[in-house]
Structures are given as C-alpha cells and as structure tokens.
Amino acid sequence: MSSLALLLTRTSFFPQPEISRPVLKTWEARCLPRTMTSGEPCHVRYHQMPDIKIKRVYDTPDPHDGVRILVDRLWPRGLHKSDVHMEYWLKDVAPSPELRRWFGHDPANWNMFQIRYRQELMHGNADLSRLMHLAGQQNVTLLYAAHNTQCNHALILQDFLRKTVAEQKMHG
C-alpha cells in the first residue's frame, strides 16, 4: 500500500474498517495528482471545464462546436461573411501585425513565435478578456484560416486559454 494510501486509511476521512483496495484505487485514480505531462492538477477536473477546440474556418461546422469564434486579425481569403458560421470575430486576440509578418508561417520561426505571442497574450486586452469569459462558461471553437495545422497561433491561444481558465476556476 502506498504511503499516501496508508495515511488516508488511518485518518478520520474514511470510516473504519480499512477501505478495500479497489475502492482506494478508484479514489487514487480520481484524486491523486496527474502525471507531470498533463501539467494541470487533478482537482481542475471537478470544475467540469468547458471544451476549447480549434478548427480551420473553412471546415464544416459541427453541432458540438459550441460558440464559434474567429481569432484571426484578417478576414479569411475566399470567404464571404455570410459563409462563415460564427458568433464572434475577436481580432485583437490574434498576434500583432508586426509579429504575424515576422512569423510568416515559417516553421523555422515557430519556437520564437510561441514565446513572443504568449508575451502578447500576457498583456491582455478587451477581446482576450471576453474570450476567457466565454471559454470559462461554455464550449468554444476557435476558428483560424492558416493552412498549417501544426504551427499556427490558434494552438498557442488554445493552450493559453485552457491554462488560464483552469487557473481562474481553481482560484475562484
């Protein structure tokens, strides 16, 4: 029996006699901290975190998308505004024009782009506050137009939102 399990079985948290091992394993699976790879503590799960997805704006809408939000600064090429199914267009959550031009969707610049864009996100703005509020309340899908699905600002924004919203929920 692990030292934590032993400690928990000997405290007043649980009725005596000792808890059977299968019950304790279930408790451990739900409540002990996750591995370091996930980066978020286990108690975040109990807040029923809304889903934050990303999707290319050209992809077909899905009923499970939740609130669809365009997060590009520029309007997507080849699409008329009536063709895009979205509730919001939050231009100011996208990278600054200077950063966007510097990055140029060049994978060689990806690592430095991530650092610089996260720095911009840390400064915050009204659009980012609105997005964090929406993401904390309901499922959202962040829409982007970039061709590269592995190196684009929506991935960074999704990660930033997940961590920030989880932290806000944790601290009330």
N, C-alpha and C. Protein backbone atom coordinates (compact mmCIF):
# COMPACT_ATOMS: atom_id res chain seq x y z
N MET A 1 0.85 -1.17 0.00
CA MET A 1 0.00 0.00 0.00
C MET A 1 0.90 1.23 0.00
N SER A 2 0.57 2.22 -0.84
CA SER A 2 1.40 3.41 -0.91
C SER A 2 1.32 4.17 0.40
N SER A 3 2.32 5.02 0.65
CA SER A 3 2.34 5.77 1.91
C SER A 3 1.16 6.72 1.99
N LEU A 4 0.75 7.30 0.86
CA LEU A 4 -0.41 8.19 0.86
C LEU A 4 -1.68 7.40 1.15
N ALA A 5 -1.80 6.24 0.55
CA ALA A 5 -2.98 5.40 0.79
C ALA A 5 -3.03 4.96 2.25
N LEU A 6 -1.87 4.62 2.79
CA LEU A 6 -1.81 4.21 4.19
C LEU A 6 -2.21 5.36 5.10
N LEU A 7 -1.70 6.55 4.81
CA LEU A 7 -2.04 7.73 5.58
C LEU A 7 -3.55 8.00 5.51
N LEU A 8 -4.11 7.91 4.32
CA LEU A 8 -5.53 8.20 4.15
C LEU A 8 -6.42 7.18 4.84
N THR A 9 -6.01 5.93 4.87
CA THR A 9 -6.84 4.91 5.52
C THR A 9 -6.78 5.03 7.03
N ARG A 10 -5.75 5.70 7.55
CA ARG A 10 -5.62 5.83 9.00
C ARG A 10 -6.13 7.16 9.52
N THR A 11 -6.73 7.96 8.68
CA THR A 11 -7.27 9.23 9.14
C THR A 11 -8.77 9.12 9.30
N SER A 12 -9.36 10.16 9.79
CA SER A 12 -10.80 10.14 10.03
C SER A 12 -11.60 10.45 8.78
N PHE A 13 -10.92 10.61 7.62
CA PHE A 13 -11.65 10.88 6.39
C PHE A 13 -12.53 9.70 5.99
N PHE A 14 -12.14 8.52 6.38
CA PHE A 14 -12.84 7.32 5.93
C PHE A 14 -13.33 6.54 7.14
N PRO A 15 -14.50 5.95 7.02
CA PRO A 15 -15.00 5.11 8.11
C PRO A 15 -14.14 3.86 8.26
N GLN A 16 -14.07 3.36 9.46
CA GLN A 16 -13.35 2.11 9.71
C GLN A 16 -14.31 0.95 9.50
N PRO A 17 -13.94 -0.24 9.18
CA PRO A 17 -12.58 -0.72 9.00
C PRO A 17 -11.95 -0.15 7.73
N GLU A 18 -10.69 -0.55 7.51
CA GLU A 18 -9.94 -0.01 6.39
C GLU A 18 -10.69 -0.19 5.08
N ILE A 19 -10.46 0.77 4.20
CA ILE A 19 -11.09 0.75 2.88
C ILE A 19 -10.46 -0.35 2.05
N SER A 20 -11.30 -1.03 1.32
CA SER A 20 -10.77 -2.09 0.46
C SER A 20 -9.90 -1.48 -0.64
N ARG A 21 -8.96 -2.21 -1.14
CA ARG A 21 -8.03 -1.72 -2.15
C ARG A 21 -8.73 -1.27 -3.44
N PRO A 22 -9.75 -1.97 -3.97
CA PRO A 22 -10.40 -1.47 -5.19
C PRO A 22 -11.02 -0.10 -5.03
N VAL A 23 -11.63 0.16 -3.88
CA VAL A 23 -12.22 1.48 -3.63
C VAL A 23 -11.12 2.53 -3.56
N LEU A 24 -10.04 2.20 -2.88
CA LEU A 24 -8.94 3.14 -2.76
C LEU A 24 -8.33 3.41 -4.12
N LYS A 25 -8.18 2.39 -4.97
CA LYS A 25 -7.64 2.61 -6.31
C LYS A 25 -8.52 3.57 -7.09
N THR A 26 -9.83 3.44 -6.96
CA THR A 26 -10.75 4.35 -7.65
C THR A 26 -10.54 5.77 -7.15
N TRP A 27 -10.40 5.93 -5.83
CA TRP A 27 -10.17 7.25 -5.28
C TRP A 27 -8.85 7.81 -5.79
N GLU A 28 -7.79 6.97 -5.81
CA GLU A 28 -6.49 7.44 -6.30
C GLU A 28 -6.59 7.88 -7.74
N ALA A 29 -7.31 7.14 -8.56
CA ALA A 29 -7.42 7.49 -9.98
C ALA A 29 -8.12 8.83 -10.15
N ARG A 30 -9.05 9.15 -9.26
CA ARG A 30 -9.78 10.40 -9.38
C ARG A 30 -9.09 11.57 -8.73
N CYS A 31 -8.38 11.33 -7.64
CA CYS A 31 -7.95 12.45 -6.81
C CYS A 31 -6.45 12.66 -6.66
N LEU A 32 -5.65 11.70 -6.96
CA LEU A 32 -4.22 11.94 -6.85
C LEU A 32 -3.76 12.75 -8.04
N PRO A 33 -2.73 13.56 -7.87
CA PRO A 33 -2.28 14.41 -8.98
C PRO A 33 -1.95 13.60 -10.22
N ARG A 34 -2.28 14.20 -11.37
CA ARG A 34 -1.96 13.56 -12.65
C ARG A 34 -0.46 13.58 -12.86
N THR A 35 -0.02 12.92 -13.91
CA THR A 35 1.40 12.93 -14.22
C THR A 35 1.83 14.33 -14.62
N MET A 36 3.09 14.57 -14.60
CA MET A 36 3.62 15.88 -14.93
C MET A 36 3.36 16.25 -16.39
N THR A 37 3.08 15.27 -17.25
CA THR A 37 2.89 15.58 -18.67
C THR A 37 1.63 16.38 -18.91
N SER A 38 0.60 16.22 -18.09
CA SER A 38 -0.64 16.96 -18.34
C SER A 38 -0.52 18.40 -17.89
N GLY A 39 0.27 18.64 -16.85
CA GLY A 39 0.51 20.00 -16.41
C GLY A 39 -0.61 20.62 -15.59
N GLU A 40 -1.74 19.93 -15.40
CA GLU A 40 -2.80 20.51 -14.60
C GLU A 40 -3.15 19.61 -13.44
N PRO A 41 -3.43 20.17 -12.28
CA PRO A 41 -3.76 19.35 -11.11
C PRO A 41 -5.09 18.63 -11.29
N CYS A 42 -5.24 17.53 -10.57
CA CYS A 42 -6.43 16.70 -10.74
C CYS A 42 -7.71 17.42 -10.35
N HIS A 43 -7.67 18.33 -9.36
CA HIS A 43 -8.91 18.94 -8.91
C HIS A 43 -9.53 19.86 -9.95
N VAL A 44 -8.78 20.19 -11.00
CA VAL A 44 -9.35 21.00 -12.08
C VAL A 44 -10.48 20.24 -12.77
N ARG A 45 -10.38 18.90 -12.80
CA ARG A 45 -11.40 18.09 -13.46
C ARG A 45 -12.77 18.27 -12.83
N TYR A 46 -12.84 18.52 -11.56
CA TYR A 46 -14.12 18.60 -10.88
C TYR A 46 -14.89 19.86 -11.22
N HIS A 47 -14.25 20.81 -11.87
CA HIS A 47 -14.94 22.03 -12.26
C HIS A 47 -15.65 21.90 -13.60
N GLN A 48 -15.63 20.70 -14.20
CA GLN A 48 -16.27 20.48 -15.49
C GLN A 48 -15.84 21.55 -16.47
N MET A 49 -14.58 21.54 -16.80
CA MET A 49 -14.02 22.53 -17.70
C MET A 49 -14.71 22.47 -19.06
N PRO A 50 -15.16 23.60 -19.58
CA PRO A 50 -15.70 23.62 -20.93
C PRO A 50 -14.61 23.24 -21.93
N ASP A 51 -15.04 22.72 -23.05
CA ASP A 51 -14.11 22.29 -24.08
C ASP A 51 -13.68 23.48 -24.93
N ILE A 52 -12.39 23.58 -25.21
CA ILE A 52 -11.86 24.62 -26.08
C ILE A 52 -11.21 23.91 -27.26
N LYS A 53 -11.87 23.99 -28.41
CA LYS A 53 -11.38 23.32 -29.61
C LYS A 53 -10.86 24.35 -30.59
N ILE A 54 -10.07 23.88 -31.55
CA ILE A 54 -9.67 24.73 -32.66
C ILE A 54 -10.07 24.04 -33.95
N LYS A 55 -10.34 24.86 -34.96
CA LYS A 55 -10.78 24.32 -36.24
C LYS A 55 -10.51 25.36 -37.32
N ARG A 56 -10.16 24.88 -38.50
CA ARG A 56 -9.99 25.82 -39.61
C ARG A 56 -11.36 26.40 -39.96
N VAL A 57 -11.39 27.66 -40.28
CA VAL A 57 -12.63 28.36 -40.60
C VAL A 57 -13.29 27.78 -41.84
N TYR A 58 -12.51 27.10 -42.68
CA TYR A 58 -13.02 26.51 -43.92
C TYR A 58 -13.70 25.16 -43.68
N ASP A 59 -13.50 24.58 -42.48
CA ASP A 59 -14.11 23.28 -42.16
C ASP A 59 -15.59 23.44 -41.88
N THR A 60 -16.31 22.35 -42.10
CA THR A 60 -17.75 22.33 -41.88
C THR A 60 -18.08 22.50 -40.40
N PRO A 61 -19.04 23.36 -40.07
CA PRO A 61 -19.46 23.50 -38.66
C PRO A 61 -20.05 22.20 -38.13
N ASP A 62 -19.88 22.00 -36.84
CA ASP A 62 -20.39 20.81 -36.16
C ASP A 62 -21.31 21.28 -35.05
N PRO A 63 -22.40 20.56 -34.80
CA PRO A 63 -23.30 20.98 -33.72
C PRO A 63 -22.63 21.01 -32.34
N HIS A 64 -21.53 20.28 -32.17
CA HIS A 64 -20.84 20.23 -30.88
C HIS A 64 -19.75 21.29 -30.76
N ASP A 65 -19.67 22.18 -31.72
CA ASP A 65 -18.64 23.23 -31.68
C ASP A 65 -18.83 24.22 -30.54
N GLY A 66 -20.04 24.40 -30.10
CA GLY A 66 -20.31 25.42 -29.10
C GLY A 66 -20.27 26.79 -29.76
N VAL A 67 -19.76 27.77 -29.05
CA VAL A 67 -19.64 29.12 -29.59
C VAL A 67 -18.45 29.15 -30.54
N ARG A 68 -18.70 29.55 -31.77
CA ARG A 68 -17.63 29.59 -32.79
C ARG A 68 -17.10 31.01 -32.87
N ILE A 69 -15.76 31.13 -32.70
CA ILE A 69 -15.12 32.44 -32.60
C ILE A 69 -13.95 32.51 -33.57
N LEU A 70 -14.00 33.45 -34.49
CA LEU A 70 -12.88 33.67 -35.40
C LEU A 70 -11.81 34.44 -34.65
N VAL A 71 -10.58 33.91 -34.64
CA VAL A 71 -9.50 34.53 -33.87
C VAL A 71 -8.35 35.01 -34.76
N ASP A 72 -8.65 35.28 -36.02
CA ASP A 72 -7.67 35.85 -36.95
C ASP A 72 -7.86 37.36 -37.03
N ARG A 73 -6.77 38.07 -37.22
CA ARG A 73 -6.85 39.52 -37.37
C ARG A 73 -7.40 39.90 -38.74
N LEU A 74 -7.06 39.11 -39.75
CA LEU A 74 -7.51 39.38 -41.13
C LEU A 74 -8.65 38.43 -41.49
N TRP A 75 -9.56 38.92 -42.33
CA TRP A 75 -10.66 38.07 -42.78
C TRP A 75 -10.11 36.95 -43.67
N PRO A 76 -10.61 35.73 -43.53
CA PRO A 76 -10.11 34.60 -44.32
C PRO A 76 -10.37 34.79 -45.82
N ARG A 77 -9.37 34.48 -46.61
CA ARG A 77 -9.46 34.64 -48.07
C ARG A 77 -10.52 33.73 -48.65
N GLY A 78 -11.23 34.27 -49.62
CA GLY A 78 -12.17 33.47 -50.39
C GLY A 78 -13.50 33.21 -49.71
N LEU A 79 -13.72 33.76 -48.53
CA LEU A 79 -14.98 33.54 -47.83
C LEU A 79 -15.76 34.84 -47.71
N HIS A 80 -17.04 34.74 -47.96
CA HIS A 80 -17.93 35.86 -47.73
C HIS A 80 -18.40 35.79 -46.27
N LYS A 81 -18.69 36.91 -45.69
CA LYS A 81 -19.08 36.92 -44.27
C LYS A 81 -20.31 36.06 -44.00
N SER A 82 -21.19 35.93 -44.97
CA SER A 82 -22.38 35.11 -44.77
C SER A 82 -22.05 33.61 -44.84
N ASP A 83 -20.86 33.25 -45.36
CA ASP A 83 -20.46 31.84 -45.46
C ASP A 83 -19.87 31.31 -44.16
N VAL A 84 -19.46 32.19 -43.27
CA VAL A 84 -18.78 31.77 -42.05
C VAL A 84 -19.80 31.72 -40.91
N HIS A 85 -19.95 30.54 -40.33
CA HIS A 85 -20.86 30.35 -39.20
C HIS A 85 -20.07 30.60 -37.93
N MET A 86 -20.27 31.80 -37.36
CA MET A 86 -19.56 32.17 -36.15
C MET A 86 -20.41 33.14 -35.36
N GLU A 87 -20.13 33.20 -34.07
CA GLU A 87 -20.83 34.14 -33.21
C GLU A 87 -20.02 35.42 -32.97
N TYR A 88 -18.68 35.28 -32.96
CA TYR A 88 -17.82 36.43 -32.68
C TYR A 88 -16.61 36.42 -33.60
N TRP A 89 -16.10 37.63 -33.88
CA TRP A 89 -14.81 37.79 -34.54
C TRP A 89 -13.99 38.67 -33.61
N LEU A 90 -13.07 38.05 -32.89
CA LEU A 90 -12.23 38.76 -31.93
C LEU A 90 -10.83 38.95 -32.52
N LYS A 91 -10.67 40.03 -33.25
CA LYS A 91 -9.42 40.31 -33.97
C LYS A 91 -8.23 40.52 -33.05
N ASP A 92 -8.49 41.14 -31.90
CA ASP A 92 -7.37 41.54 -31.04
C ASP A 92 -6.78 40.41 -30.19
N VAL A 93 -7.30 39.18 -30.33
CA VAL A 93 -6.63 38.05 -29.66
C VAL A 93 -5.59 37.44 -30.59
N ALA A 94 -5.59 37.84 -31.84
CA ALA A 94 -4.61 37.35 -32.81
C ALA A 94 -3.26 38.04 -32.56
N PRO A 95 -2.19 37.47 -33.08
CA PRO A 95 -0.89 38.13 -32.93
C PRO A 95 -0.90 39.52 -33.56
N SER A 96 -0.06 40.39 -33.04
CA SER A 96 0.04 41.74 -33.59
C SER A 96 0.47 41.66 -35.05
N PRO A 97 0.15 42.70 -35.83
CA PRO A 97 0.57 42.68 -37.25
C PRO A 97 2.08 42.51 -37.41
N GLU A 98 2.85 43.13 -36.54
CA GLU A 98 4.31 43.01 -36.63
C GLU A 98 4.75 41.58 -36.39
N LEU A 99 4.20 40.94 -35.37
CA LEU A 99 4.57 39.55 -35.06
C LEU A 99 4.10 38.61 -36.16
N ARG A 100 2.90 38.84 -36.67
CA ARG A 100 2.36 37.99 -37.74
C ARG A 100 3.25 38.07 -38.98
N ARG A 101 3.66 39.28 -39.35
CA ARG A 101 4.52 39.44 -40.53
C ARG A 101 5.89 38.79 -40.28
N TRP A 102 6.45 38.98 -39.07
CA TRP A 102 7.74 38.38 -38.76
C TRP A 102 7.67 36.86 -38.84
N PHE A 103 6.64 36.26 -38.29
CA PHE A 103 6.49 34.80 -38.30
C PHE A 103 6.33 34.28 -39.72
N GLY A 104 5.44 34.87 -40.48
CA GLY A 104 5.25 34.48 -41.88
C GLY A 104 4.90 33.01 -42.06
N HIS A 105 4.40 32.35 -41.04
CA HIS A 105 4.06 30.92 -41.06
C HIS A 105 5.24 30.05 -41.46
N ASP A 106 6.44 30.52 -41.09
CA ASP A 106 7.66 29.77 -41.36
C ASP A 106 7.95 28.88 -40.15
N PRO A 107 7.92 27.54 -40.33
CA PRO A 107 8.18 26.64 -39.20
C PRO A 107 9.52 26.89 -38.50
N ALA A 108 10.48 27.47 -39.20
CA ALA A 108 11.77 27.76 -38.59
C ALA A 108 11.63 28.83 -37.49
N ASN A 109 10.60 29.66 -37.58
CA ASN A 109 10.37 30.71 -36.58
C ASN A 109 9.39 30.30 -35.48
N TRP A 110 8.91 29.07 -35.53
CA TRP A 110 7.83 28.62 -34.66
C TRP A 110 8.15 28.77 -33.17
N ASN A 111 9.31 28.31 -32.73
CA ASN A 111 9.63 28.36 -31.30
C ASN A 111 9.66 29.79 -30.76
N MET A 112 10.30 30.68 -31.48
CA MET A 112 10.37 32.07 -31.04
C MET A 112 8.99 32.73 -31.15
N PHE A 113 8.22 32.36 -32.16
CA PHE A 113 6.86 32.90 -32.31
C PHE A 113 6.01 32.56 -31.09
N GLN A 114 6.12 31.31 -30.63
CA GLN A 114 5.33 30.90 -29.46
C GLN A 114 5.65 31.77 -28.24
N ILE A 115 6.91 32.03 -28.03
CA ILE A 115 7.33 32.85 -26.88
C ILE A 115 6.79 34.26 -27.01
N ARG A 116 6.96 34.85 -28.18
CA ARG A 116 6.53 36.24 -28.38
C ARG A 116 5.00 36.38 -28.32
N TYR A 117 4.30 35.42 -28.89
CA TYR A 117 2.83 35.51 -28.87
C TYR A 117 2.30 35.33 -27.45
N ARG A 118 2.89 34.42 -26.68
CA ARG A 118 2.47 34.25 -25.29
C ARG A 118 2.72 35.54 -24.49
N GLN A 119 3.81 36.24 -24.79
CA GLN A 119 4.08 37.52 -24.13
C GLN A 119 2.99 38.53 -24.47
N GLU A 120 2.56 38.54 -25.73
CA GLU A 120 1.47 39.44 -26.11
C GLU A 120 0.18 39.07 -25.37
N LEU A 121 -0.09 37.78 -25.27
CA LEU A 121 -1.31 37.34 -24.58
C LEU A 121 -1.27 37.72 -23.10
N MET A 122 -0.09 37.69 -22.49
CA MET A 122 0.03 38.03 -21.08
C MET A 122 -0.34 39.50 -20.81
N HIS A 123 -0.18 40.35 -21.81
CA HIS A 123 -0.55 41.76 -21.65
C HIS A 123 -2.07 41.94 -21.63
N GLY A 124 -2.78 41.04 -22.31
CA GLY A 124 -4.24 41.06 -22.30
C GLY A 124 -4.84 42.25 -23.03
N ASN A 125 -6.14 42.16 -23.29
CA ASN A 125 -6.93 43.24 -23.89
C ASN A 125 -8.40 42.87 -23.73
N ALA A 126 -9.28 43.73 -24.19
CA ALA A 126 -10.72 43.52 -24.01
C ALA A 126 -11.20 42.25 -24.73
N ASP A 127 -10.70 42.02 -25.95
CA ASP A 127 -11.11 40.82 -26.68
C ASP A 127 -10.67 39.55 -25.97
N LEU A 128 -9.46 39.56 -25.42
CA LEU A 128 -8.98 38.39 -24.71
C LEU A 128 -9.79 38.15 -23.43
N SER A 129 -10.14 39.21 -22.75
CA SER A 129 -10.99 39.07 -21.55
C SER A 129 -12.34 38.47 -21.91
N ARG A 130 -12.91 38.94 -22.99
CA ARG A 130 -14.19 38.40 -23.44
C ARG A 130 -14.06 36.92 -23.79
N LEU A 131 -12.99 36.57 -24.49
CA LEU A 131 -12.76 35.18 -24.88
C LEU A 131 -12.57 34.29 -23.65
N MET A 132 -11.82 34.76 -22.66
CA MET A 132 -11.62 33.97 -21.45
C MET A 132 -12.94 33.77 -20.71
N HIS A 133 -13.76 34.80 -20.70
CA HIS A 133 -15.07 34.67 -20.06
C HIS A 133 -15.92 33.63 -20.80
N LEU A 134 -15.98 33.71 -22.11
CA LEU A 134 -16.76 32.74 -22.90
C LEU A 134 -16.23 31.33 -22.71
N ALA A 135 -14.90 31.18 -22.75
CA ALA A 135 -14.29 29.85 -22.62
C ALA A 135 -14.50 29.26 -21.24
N GLY A 136 -14.68 30.10 -20.25
CA GLY A 136 -14.92 29.62 -18.90
C GLY A 136 -16.36 29.22 -18.66
N GLN A 137 -17.26 29.64 -19.52
CA GLN A 137 -18.69 29.40 -19.32
C GLN A 137 -19.26 28.28 -20.20
N GLN A 138 -18.68 28.08 -21.38
CA GLN A 138 -19.27 27.15 -22.35
C GLN A 138 -18.22 26.64 -23.32
N ASN A 139 -18.60 25.63 -24.08
CA ASN A 139 -17.69 25.10 -25.09
C ASN A 139 -17.49 26.14 -26.18
N VAL A 140 -16.24 26.29 -26.60
CA VAL A 140 -15.93 27.22 -27.68
C VAL A 140 -15.05 26.53 -28.72
N THR A 141 -15.17 27.00 -29.95
CA THR A 141 -14.29 26.56 -31.03
C THR A 141 -13.62 27.79 -31.60
N LEU A 142 -12.30 27.79 -31.56
CA LEU A 142 -11.52 28.90 -32.10
C LEU A 142 -11.29 28.62 -33.59
N LEU A 143 -11.70 29.55 -34.43
CA LEU A 143 -11.58 29.39 -35.87
C LEU A 143 -10.38 30.17 -36.38
N TYR A 144 -9.60 29.54 -37.25
CA TYR A 144 -8.42 30.19 -37.83
C TYR A 144 -8.35 29.80 -39.30
N ALA A 145 -7.59 30.56 -40.10
CA ALA A 145 -7.52 30.33 -41.54
C ALA A 145 -6.20 29.72 -42.01
N ALA A 146 -5.19 29.68 -41.17
CA ALA A 146 -3.87 29.20 -41.58
C ALA A 146 -3.94 27.80 -42.16
N HIS A 147 -3.12 27.54 -43.17
CA HIS A 147 -3.06 26.21 -43.80
C HIS A 147 -2.39 25.19 -42.90
N ASN A 148 -1.36 25.61 -42.19
CA ASN A 148 -0.58 24.71 -41.36
C ASN A 148 -1.33 24.46 -40.04
N THR A 149 -1.73 23.22 -39.83
CA THR A 149 -2.48 22.89 -38.62
C THR A 149 -1.56 22.61 -37.43
N GLN A 150 -0.25 22.54 -37.65
CA GLN A 150 0.70 22.23 -36.59
C GLN A 150 1.43 23.47 -36.05
N CYS A 151 1.49 24.51 -36.85
CA CYS A 151 2.20 25.74 -36.47
C CYS A 151 1.31 26.94 -36.76
N ASN A 152 0.40 27.24 -35.84
CA ASN A 152 -0.44 28.42 -36.02
C ASN A 152 -0.80 28.99 -34.65
N HIS A 153 -1.20 30.23 -34.65
CA HIS A 153 -1.46 30.93 -33.38
C HIS A 153 -2.63 30.34 -32.60
N ALA A 154 -3.57 29.69 -33.27
CA ALA A 154 -4.73 29.12 -32.57
C ALA A 154 -4.30 28.03 -31.58
N LEU A 155 -3.27 27.28 -31.90
CA LEU A 155 -2.77 26.25 -30.98
C LEU A 155 -2.25 26.88 -29.69
N ILE A 156 -1.53 27.97 -29.83
CA ILE A 156 -0.98 28.66 -28.68
C ILE A 156 -2.10 29.29 -27.86
N LEU A 157 -3.05 29.90 -28.55
CA LEU A 157 -4.18 30.53 -27.88
C LEU A 157 -5.02 29.49 -27.14
N GLN A 158 -5.24 28.34 -27.75
CA GLN A 158 -5.99 27.26 -27.10
C GLN A 158 -5.31 26.83 -25.80
N ASP A 159 -4.01 26.60 -25.86
CA ASP A 159 -3.25 26.20 -24.68
C ASP A 159 -3.30 27.29 -23.60
N PHE A 160 -3.11 28.53 -24.01
CA PHE A 160 -3.15 29.66 -23.08
C PHE A 160 -4.51 29.73 -22.39
N LEU A 161 -5.59 29.59 -23.17
CA LEU A 161 -6.94 29.66 -22.60
C LEU A 161 -7.19 28.52 -21.63
N ARG A 162 -6.81 27.32 -22.01
CA ARG A 162 -7.03 26.17 -21.12
C ARG A 162 -6.36 26.38 -19.77
N LYS A 163 -5.12 26.81 -19.80
CA LYS A 163 -4.38 27.03 -18.55
C LYS A 163 -4.95 28.19 -17.75
N THR A 164 -5.27 29.28 -18.42
CA THR A 164 -5.76 30.46 -17.74
C THR A 164 -7.13 30.23 -17.15
N VAL A 165 -8.03 29.62 -17.91
CA VAL A 165 -9.38 29.36 -17.43
C VAL A 165 -9.33 28.35 -16.26
N ALA A 166 -8.50 27.33 -16.38
CA ALA A 166 -8.37 26.36 -15.29
C ALA A 166 -7.86 27.04 -14.03
N GLU A 167 -6.89 27.91 -14.17
CA GLU A 167 -6.35 28.63 -13.01
C GLU A 167 -7.40 29.53 -12.39
N GLN A 168 -8.19 30.21 -13.21
CA GLN A 168 -9.26 31.07 -12.68
C GLN A 168 -10.30 30.27 -11.93
N LYS A 169 -10.66 29.10 -12.46
CA LYS A 169 -11.65 28.27 -11.80
C LYS A 169 -11.10 27.72 -10.48
N MET A 170 -9.81 27.41 -10.47
CA MET A 170 -9.19 26.89 -9.27
C MET A 170 -9.19 27.92 -8.15
N HIS A 171 -8.94 29.17 -8.51
CA HIS A 171 -8.83 30.23 -7.50
C HIS A 171 -10.12 31.00 -7.32
N GLY A 172 -11.18 30.50 -7.94
CA GLY A 172 -12.49 31.05 -7.72
C GLY A 172 -12.75 32.30 -8.44
